[in-house]
Amino acid sequence: MDEYAWPTAGPEAPAADAVRSSWAATVAALPVGTRITGEVFGRQPFGIFIRIDGVPNAIALAEITSMPQGMDLPALGTSVSGEVFWHAHNHQVRVRLDEWLAADE
């Protein structure tokens, strides 16, 4: 597999139509400030996509703009935790990872 993997439909990623149709429930279940855990299932130069535990039709994105300099993106399959800070227009839950916040302190 390439270093960067785009999330695709399958066991790793929810289908796009399921993400869209569940958006209102996702926002209700994951308000800003909610703590999340999940698994990295997609990796791009701009950040990582996370499958959120307990919210099967949600996709989280942690962007490199929140990552401290000198750190690397977590690998595919890595378990991560963080905090919801935004709900994006494209049906993504934006998160800041705990390991990135800890490195900033």
C-alpha atoms as a PDB file:
ATOM      1  CA  MET A   1       0.000   0.000   0.000  1.00  0.00           C
ATOM      2  CA  ASP A   2       1.136   3.521  -0.764  1.00  0.00           C
ATOM      3  CA  GLU A   3       2.289   5.738   2.123  1.00  0.00           C
ATOM      4  CA  TYR A   4      -0.843   7.802   1.547  1.00  0.00           C
ATOM      5  CA  ALA A   5      -4.139   5.988   1.263  1.00  0.00           C
ATOM      6  CA  TRP A   6      -7.443   7.571   0.324  1.00  0.00           C
ATOM      7  CA  PRO A   7     -10.370   6.229   2.346  1.00  0.00           C
ATOM      8  CA  THR A   8     -12.639   4.128   0.182  1.00  0.00           C
ATOM      9  CA  ALA A   9     -15.894   2.333   0.809  1.00  0.00           C
ATOM     10  CA  GLY A  10     -15.437  -1.022   2.453  1.00  0.00           C
ATOM     11  CA  PRO A  11     -14.970  -2.326   5.971  1.00  0.00           C
ATOM     12  CA  GLU A  12     -12.681   0.609   6.818  1.00  0.00           C
ATOM     13  CA  ALA A  13     -14.862   3.477   5.647  1.00  0.00           C
ATOM     14  CA  PRO A  14     -18.592   4.155   5.727  1.00  0.00           C
ATOM     15  CA  ALA A  15     -20.251   4.732   2.363  1.00  0.00           C
ATOM     16  CA  ALA A  16     -20.602   8.376   1.325  1.00  0.00           C
ATOM     17  CA  ASP A  17     -24.411   8.200   1.194  1.00  0.00           C
ATOM     18  CA  ALA A  18     -24.494   6.760   4.749  1.00  0.00           C
ATOM     19  CA  VAL A  19     -22.270   9.597   5.978  1.00  0.00           C
ATOM     20  CA  ARG A  20     -24.539  12.213   4.349  1.00  0.00           C
ATOM     21  CA  SER A  21     -27.814  10.693   5.528  1.00  0.00           C
ATOM     22  CA  SER A  22     -26.499  10.319   9.097  1.00  0.00           C
ATOM     23  CA  TRP A  23     -25.030  13.823   9.331  1.00  0.00           C
ATOM     24  CA  ALA A  24     -27.672  15.281  11.670  1.00  0.00           C
ATOM     25  CA  ALA A  25     -27.304  12.295  14.022  1.00  0.00           C
ATOM     26  CA  THR A  26     -23.502  12.565  13.839  1.00  0.00           C
ATOM     27  CA  VAL A  27     -23.544  16.256  14.810  1.00  0.00           C
ATOM     28  CA  ALA A  28     -25.952  15.504  17.666  1.00  0.00           C
ATOM     29  CA  ALA A  29     -23.793  12.609  18.921  1.00  0.00           C
ATOM     30  CA  LEU A  30     -20.499  14.505  18.578  1.00  0.00           C
ATOM     31  CA  PRO A  31     -20.928  18.149  19.621  1.00  0.00           C
ATOM     32  CA  VAL A  32     -17.893  20.429  19.711  1.00  0.00           C
ATOM     33  CA  GLY A  33     -15.783  19.501  22.725  1.00  0.00           C
ATOM     34  CA  THR A  34     -16.642  15.792  22.609  1.00  0.00           C
ATOM     35  CA  ARG A  35     -13.767  13.398  23.287  1.00  0.00           C
ATOM     36  CA  ILE A  36     -13.364  10.749  20.584  1.00  0.00           C
ATOM     37  CA  THR A  37     -11.301   7.643  19.972  1.00  0.00           C
ATOM     38  CA  GLY A  38     -10.925   5.831  16.715  1.00  0.00           C
ATOM     39  CA  GLU A  39      -8.714   4.207  14.116  1.00  0.00           C
ATOM     40  CA  VAL A  40      -6.822   5.855  11.258  1.00  0.00           C
ATOM     41  CA  PHE A  41      -8.232   4.465   8.001  1.00  0.00           C
ATOM     42  CA  GLY A  42      -7.020   7.055   5.497  1.00  0.00           C
ATOM     43  CA  ARG A  43      -3.867   9.105   5.192  1.00  0.00           C
ATOM     44  CA  GLN A  44      -3.145  12.072   2.934  1.00  0.00           C
ATOM     45  CA  PRO A  45      -0.449  14.765   2.922  1.00  0.00           C
ATOM     46  CA  PHE A  46      -3.001  17.162   4.483  1.00  0.00           C
ATOM     47  CA  GLY A  47      -4.070  14.896   7.371  1.00  0.00           C
ATOM     48  CA  ILE A  48      -5.642  11.634   8.497  1.00  0.00           C
ATOM     49  CA  PHE A  49      -9.147  10.209   8.310  1.00  0.00           C
ATOM     50  CA  ILE A  50     -10.454   8.487  11.421  1.00  0.00           C
ATOM     51  CA  ARG A  51     -13.273   5.989  11.894  1.00  0.00           C
ATOM     52  CA  ILE A  52     -14.840   7.129  15.193  1.00  0.00           C
ATOM     53  CA  ASP A  53     -15.596   4.448  17.763  1.00  0.00           C
ATOM     54  CA  GLY A  54     -19.325   4.122  18.463  1.00  0.00           C
ATOM     55  CA  VAL A  55     -20.444   6.350  15.571  1.00  0.00           C
ATOM     56  CA  PRO A  56     -20.245   4.056  12.535  1.00  0.00           C
ATOM     57  CA  ASN A  57     -21.302   6.562   9.853  1.00  0.00           C
ATOM     58  CA  ALA A  58     -19.010   9.371  10.980  1.00  0.00           C
ATOM     59  CA  ILE A  59     -15.701  10.352   9.430  1.00  0.00           C
ATOM     60  CA  ALA A  60     -13.243  12.502  11.339  1.00  0.00           C
ATOM     61  CA  LEU A  61     -10.398  14.464   9.819  1.00  0.00           C
ATOM     62  CA  ALA A  62      -7.328  15.614  11.721  1.00  0.00           C
ATOM     63  CA  GLU A  63      -5.505  18.133   9.522  1.00  0.00           C
ATOM     64  CA  ILE A  64      -1.798  18.888   9.586  1.00  0.00           C
ATOM     65  CA  THR A  65      -2.632  22.517  10.367  1.00  0.00           C
ATOM     66  CA  SER A  66      -3.189  21.255  13.948  1.00  0.00           C
ATOM     67  CA  MET A  67      -0.030  19.116  13.984  1.00  0.00           C
ATOM     68  CA  PRO A  68       3.116  20.509  15.637  1.00  0.00           C
ATOM     69  CA  GLN A  69       6.186  20.864  13.426  1.00  0.00           C
ATOM     70  CA  GLY A  70       8.477  17.869  13.441  1.00  0.00           C
ATOM     71  CA  MET A  71       5.734  15.305  14.101  1.00  0.00           C
ATOM     72  CA  ASP A  72       4.613  12.645  11.654  1.00  0.00           C
ATOM     73  CA  LEU A  73       1.094  11.644  10.706  1.00  0.00           C
ATOM     74  CA  PRO A  74      -0.092   8.507  12.518  1.00  0.00           C
ATOM     75  CA  ALA A  75       0.096   5.356  10.379  1.00  0.00           C
ATOM     76  CA  LEU A  76      -2.905   3.509   8.973  1.00  0.00           C
ATOM     77  CA  GLY A  77      -4.494   1.314  11.629  1.00  0.00           C
ATOM     78  CA  THR A  78      -3.241   3.433  14.533  1.00  0.00           C
ATOM     79  CA  SER A  79      -5.637   4.048  17.424  1.00  0.00           C
ATOM     80  CA  VAL A  80      -5.923   7.751  18.192  1.00  0.00           C
ATOM     81  CA  SER A  81      -7.900  10.013  20.519  1.00  0.00           C
ATOM     82  CA  GLY A  82      -8.770  13.665  20.423  1.00  0.00           C
ATOM     83  CA  GLU A  83     -11.436  16.322  20.663  1.00  0.00           C
ATOM     84  CA  VAL A  84     -14.067  17.526  18.209  1.00  0.00           C
ATOM     85  CA  PHE A  85     -13.543  21.194  17.338  1.00  0.00           C
ATOM     86  CA  TRP A  86     -15.725  21.676  14.232  1.00  0.00           C
ATOM     87  CA  HIS A  87     -18.349  20.153  11.936  1.00  0.00           C
ATOM     88  CA  ALA A  88     -17.384  20.779   8.328  1.00  0.00           C
ATOM     89  CA  HIS A  89     -19.754  21.476   5.429  1.00  0.00           C
ATOM     90  CA  ASN A  90     -18.523  18.305   3.691  1.00  0.00           C
ATOM     91  CA  HIS A  91     -19.851  16.020   6.459  1.00  0.00           C
ATOM     92  CA  GLN A  92     -16.551  15.622   8.283  1.00  0.00           C
ATOM     93  CA  VAL A  93     -16.001  15.922  12.004  1.00  0.00           C
ATOM     94  CA  ARG A  94     -12.815  17.912  12.527  1.00  0.00           C
ATOM     95  CA  VAL A  95     -10.665  16.822  15.454  1.00  0.00           C
ATOM     96  CA  ARG A  96      -7.436  17.773  17.192  1.00  0.00           C
ATOM     97  CA  LEU A  97      -5.450  14.760  18.292  1.00  0.00           C
ATOM     98  CA  ASP A  98      -4.328  14.446  21.912  1.00  0.00           C
ATOM     99  CA  GLU A  99      -0.746  13.646  20.913  1.00  0.00           C
ATOM    100  CA  TRP A 100      -0.601  16.879  18.904  1.00  0.00           C
ATOM    101  CA  LEU A 101      -2.031  18.950  21.752  1.00  0.00           C
ATOM    102  CA  ALA A 102       0.390  17.396  24.256  1.00  0.00           C
ATOM    103  CA  ALA A 103       3.368  18.241  22.008  1.00  0.00           C
ATOM    104  CA  ASP A 104       2.257  21.892  21.881  1.00  0.00           C
ATOM    105  CA  GLU A 105       2.251  22.255  25.679  1.00  0.00           C
END
